[in-house]
């Protein structure tokens, strides 16, 4: 189980980042359709920050739990 944990965390970080990109893309499309009802397009990038932080945390955890490689002689 521990051997597969780093790969699972990396995959999960990519999924979280993908969800964030889709969310921001949806907000951009919403802004293009109704600019008077939504925030400016540049302000929608703020919504990507929590996804990037979560993905970075998951990727960092995957690096911590990955097996250590010791250089040979």
N, C-alpha and C. Protein backbone atom coordinates (compact mmCIF):
# COMPACT_ATOMS: atom_id res chain seq x y z
N UNK A 1 0.83 -1.20 0.00
CA UNK A 1 0.00 0.00 0.00
C UNK A 1 0.87 1.26 0.00
N UNK A 2 1.89 1.26 0.83
CA UNK A 2 2.74 2.45 0.94
C UNK A 2 3.47 2.72 -0.36
N UNK A 3 3.76 1.66 -1.12
CA UNK A 3 4.48 1.84 -2.37
C UNK A 3 3.62 2.57 -3.40
N UNK A 4 2.31 2.37 -3.36
CA UNK A 4 1.42 3.00 -4.34
C UNK A 4 0.92 4.37 -3.88
N UNK A 5 1.16 4.74 -2.64
CA UNK A 5 0.67 6.02 -2.12
C UNK A 5 1.24 7.23 -2.86
N UNK A 6 2.55 7.29 -3.15
CA UNK A 6 3.05 8.47 -3.87
C UNK A 6 2.41 8.64 -5.25
N UNK A 7 2.23 7.55 -5.97
CA UNK A 7 1.61 7.65 -7.29
C UNK A 7 0.16 8.11 -7.17
N UNK A 8 -0.55 7.59 -6.19
CA UNK A 8 -1.95 7.99 -6.00
C UNK A 8 -2.04 9.48 -5.64
N UNK A 9 -1.12 9.96 -4.82
CA UNK A 9 -1.14 11.38 -4.45
C UNK A 9 -0.81 12.26 -5.65
N UNK A 10 0.11 11.81 -6.50
CA UNK A 10 0.43 12.59 -7.70
C UNK A 10 -0.75 12.64 -8.65
N UNK A 11 -1.42 11.51 -8.82
CA UNK A 11 -2.60 11.48 -9.69
C UNK A 11 -3.68 12.38 -9.12
N UNK A 12 -3.88 12.31 -7.81
CA UNK A 12 -4.89 13.16 -7.17
C UNK A 12 -4.55 14.64 -7.32
N UNK A 13 -3.27 14.98 -7.25
CA UNK A 13 -2.89 16.39 -7.42
C UNK A 13 -3.18 16.86 -8.84
N UNK A 14 -2.97 15.99 -9.83
CA UNK A 14 -3.29 16.36 -11.21
C UNK A 14 -4.80 16.51 -11.39
N UNK A 15 -5.58 15.64 -10.75
CA UNK A 15 -7.04 15.73 -10.84
C UNK A 15 -7.53 17.03 -10.20
N UNK A 16 -6.99 17.38 -9.04
CA UNK A 16 -7.39 18.61 -8.36
C UNK A 16 -7.05 19.83 -9.22
N UNK A 17 -5.87 19.82 -9.81
CA UNK A 17 -5.48 20.93 -10.68
C UNK A 17 -6.37 20.99 -11.92
N UNK A 18 -6.74 19.84 -12.46
CA UNK A 18 -7.65 19.81 -13.60
C UNK A 18 -9.02 20.36 -13.26
N UNK A 19 -9.52 20.02 -12.08
CA UNK A 19 -10.81 20.56 -11.65
C UNK A 19 -10.73 22.08 -11.51
N UNK A 20 -9.63 22.58 -10.99
CA UNK A 20 -9.46 24.02 -10.87
C UNK A 20 -9.42 24.72 -12.21
N UNK A 21 -8.74 24.12 -13.18
CA UNK A 21 -8.67 24.72 -14.52
C UNK A 21 -10.05 24.72 -15.16
N UNK A 22 -10.80 23.64 -15.00
CA UNK A 22 -12.16 23.59 -15.56
C UNK A 22 -13.04 24.63 -14.90
N UNK A 23 -12.91 24.79 -13.58
CA UNK A 23 -13.72 25.78 -12.87
C UNK A 23 -13.43 27.19 -13.37
N UNK A 24 -12.15 27.53 -13.52
CA UNK A 24 -11.79 28.86 -13.98
C UNK A 24 -12.20 29.06 -15.44
N UNK A 25 -12.06 28.02 -16.25
CA UNK A 25 -12.50 28.12 -17.65
C UNK A 25 -14.00 28.37 -17.72
N UNK A 26 -14.75 27.70 -16.86
CA UNK A 26 -16.20 27.92 -16.82
C UNK A 26 -16.52 29.37 -16.43
N UNK A 27 -15.76 29.91 -15.48
CA UNK A 27 -15.98 31.30 -15.08
C UNK A 27 -15.64 32.27 -16.21
N UNK A 28 -14.57 31.98 -16.98
CA UNK A 28 -14.23 32.82 -18.12
C UNK A 28 -15.33 32.78 -19.17
N UNK A 29 -15.87 31.60 -19.44
CA UNK A 29 -16.95 31.48 -20.43
C UNK A 29 -18.18 32.23 -19.94
N UNK A 30 -18.46 32.12 -18.66
CA UNK A 30 -19.59 32.85 -18.08
C UNK A 30 -19.39 34.36 -18.23
N UNK A 31 -18.15 34.81 -18.05
CA UNK A 31 -17.86 36.24 -18.21
C UNK A 31 -18.04 36.68 -19.66
N UNK A 32 -17.64 35.83 -20.60
CA UNK A 32 -17.79 36.18 -22.01
C UNK A 32 -19.26 36.27 -22.41
N UNK A 33 -20.09 35.42 -21.83
CA UNK A 33 -21.51 35.42 -22.17
C UNK A 33 -22.26 36.56 -21.50
N UNK A 34 -21.92 36.85 -20.25
CA UNK A 34 -22.63 37.88 -19.48
C UNK A 34 -21.62 38.75 -18.74
N UNK A 35 -20.92 39.64 -19.43
CA UNK A 35 -19.90 40.45 -18.75
C UNK A 35 -20.47 41.40 -17.71
N UNK A 36 -21.72 41.76 -17.85
CA UNK A 36 -22.31 42.70 -16.89
C UNK A 36 -22.69 42.02 -15.58
N UNK A 37 -22.79 40.68 -15.56
CA UNK A 37 -23.22 39.96 -14.36
C UNK A 37 -22.07 39.36 -13.58
N UNK A 38 -20.89 39.29 -14.16
CA UNK A 38 -19.81 38.57 -13.50
C UNK A 38 -18.62 39.48 -13.25
N UNK A 39 -17.70 38.97 -12.46
CA UNK A 39 -16.47 39.71 -12.15
C UNK A 39 -15.60 39.81 -13.40
N UNK A 40 -14.67 40.74 -13.41
CA UNK A 40 -13.75 40.81 -14.56
C UNK A 40 -13.01 39.49 -14.74
N UNK A 41 -12.63 39.23 -15.97
CA UNK A 41 -12.00 37.95 -16.29
C UNK A 41 -10.72 37.74 -15.50
N UNK A 42 -9.95 38.79 -15.29
CA UNK A 42 -8.70 38.64 -14.54
C UNK A 42 -8.95 38.30 -13.08
N UNK A 43 -10.07 38.75 -12.53
CA UNK A 43 -10.39 38.44 -11.13
C UNK A 43 -10.75 36.97 -10.96
N UNK A 44 -11.19 36.32 -12.03
CA UNK A 44 -11.55 34.91 -11.93
C UNK A 44 -10.34 34.02 -11.71
N UNK A 45 -9.13 34.51 -12.02
CA UNK A 45 -7.94 33.70 -11.78
C UNK A 45 -7.69 33.46 -10.30
N UNK A 46 -8.27 34.30 -9.44
CA UNK A 46 -8.12 34.12 -8.00
C UNK A 46 -8.71 32.79 -7.57
N UNK A 47 -9.73 32.32 -8.27
CA UNK A 47 -10.35 31.05 -7.92
C UNK A 47 -9.42 29.86 -8.17
N UNK A 48 -8.38 30.04 -8.95
CA UNK A 48 -7.45 28.95 -9.23
C UNK A 48 -6.46 28.74 -8.09
N UNK A 49 -6.23 29.74 -7.26
CA UNK A 49 -5.21 29.67 -6.21
C UNK A 49 -5.42 28.52 -5.23
N UNK A 50 -6.61 28.30 -4.67
CA UNK A 50 -6.76 27.18 -3.74
C UNK A 50 -6.49 25.82 -4.39
N UNK A 51 -6.86 25.68 -5.65
CA UNK A 51 -6.60 24.42 -6.35
C UNK A 51 -5.11 24.20 -6.53
N UNK A 52 -4.39 25.27 -6.87
CA UNK A 52 -2.94 25.15 -7.05
C UNK A 52 -2.27 24.83 -5.72
N UNK A 53 -2.72 25.45 -4.63
CA UNK A 53 -2.14 25.16 -3.32
C UNK A 53 -2.42 23.73 -2.89
N UNK A 54 -3.65 23.26 -3.12
CA UNK A 54 -3.98 21.88 -2.75
C UNK A 54 -3.19 20.89 -3.59
N UNK A 55 -3.07 21.15 -4.88
CA UNK A 55 -2.30 20.26 -5.75
C UNK A 55 -0.82 20.26 -5.35
N UNK A 56 -0.29 21.40 -5.01
CA UNK A 56 1.11 21.48 -4.56
C UNK A 56 1.33 20.73 -3.26
N UNK A 57 0.38 20.83 -2.35
CA UNK A 57 0.49 20.10 -1.08
C UNK A 57 0.45 18.60 -1.31
N UNK A 58 -0.47 18.15 -2.16
CA UNK A 58 -0.55 16.72 -2.45
C UNK A 58 0.71 16.22 -3.14
N UNK A 59 1.24 17.01 -4.06
CA UNK A 59 2.46 16.60 -4.75
C UNK A 59 3.64 16.58 -3.78
N UNK A 60 3.69 17.54 -2.87
CA UNK A 60 4.74 17.54 -1.85
C UNK A 60 4.66 16.33 -0.95
N UNK A 61 3.45 15.95 -0.56
CA UNK A 61 3.27 14.74 0.24
C UNK A 61 3.70 13.50 -0.53
N UNK A 62 3.45 13.49 -1.83
CA UNK A 62 3.88 12.33 -2.62
C UNK A 62 5.40 12.24 -2.65
N UNK A 63 6.07 13.38 -2.66
CA UNK A 63 7.54 13.36 -2.62
C UNK A 63 8.04 12.89 -1.26
N UNK A 64 7.35 13.26 -0.19
CA UNK A 64 7.75 12.84 1.15
C UNK A 64 7.58 11.33 1.31
N UNK A 65 6.50 10.78 0.79
CA UNK A 65 6.21 9.36 0.96
C UNK A 65 6.85 8.48 -0.11
N UNK A 66 7.54 9.07 -1.07
CA UNK A 66 8.17 8.25 -2.11
C UNK A 66 9.39 7.55 -1.53
N UNK A 67 9.71 6.38 -2.09
CA UNK A 67 10.88 5.66 -1.56
C UNK A 67 12.16 6.45 -1.83
N UNK A 68 13.02 6.46 -0.85
CA UNK A 68 14.28 7.18 -0.98
C UNK A 68 15.25 6.36 -1.82
N UNK A 69 15.97 7.03 -2.68
CA UNK A 69 17.00 6.35 -3.45
C UNK A 69 18.35 6.83 -2.97
N UNK A 70 19.21 5.90 -2.69
CA UNK A 70 20.55 6.22 -2.20
C UNK A 70 21.51 6.06 -3.36
N UNK A 71 22.30 7.08 -3.66
CA UNK A 71 23.24 6.95 -4.77
C UNK A 71 24.27 5.86 -4.50
N UNK A 72 24.62 5.15 -5.55
CA UNK A 72 25.59 4.06 -5.43
C UNK A 72 27.01 4.58 -5.28
N UNK A 73 27.94 3.67 -5.02
CA UNK A 73 29.34 4.08 -4.83
C UNK A 73 29.99 4.56 -6.10
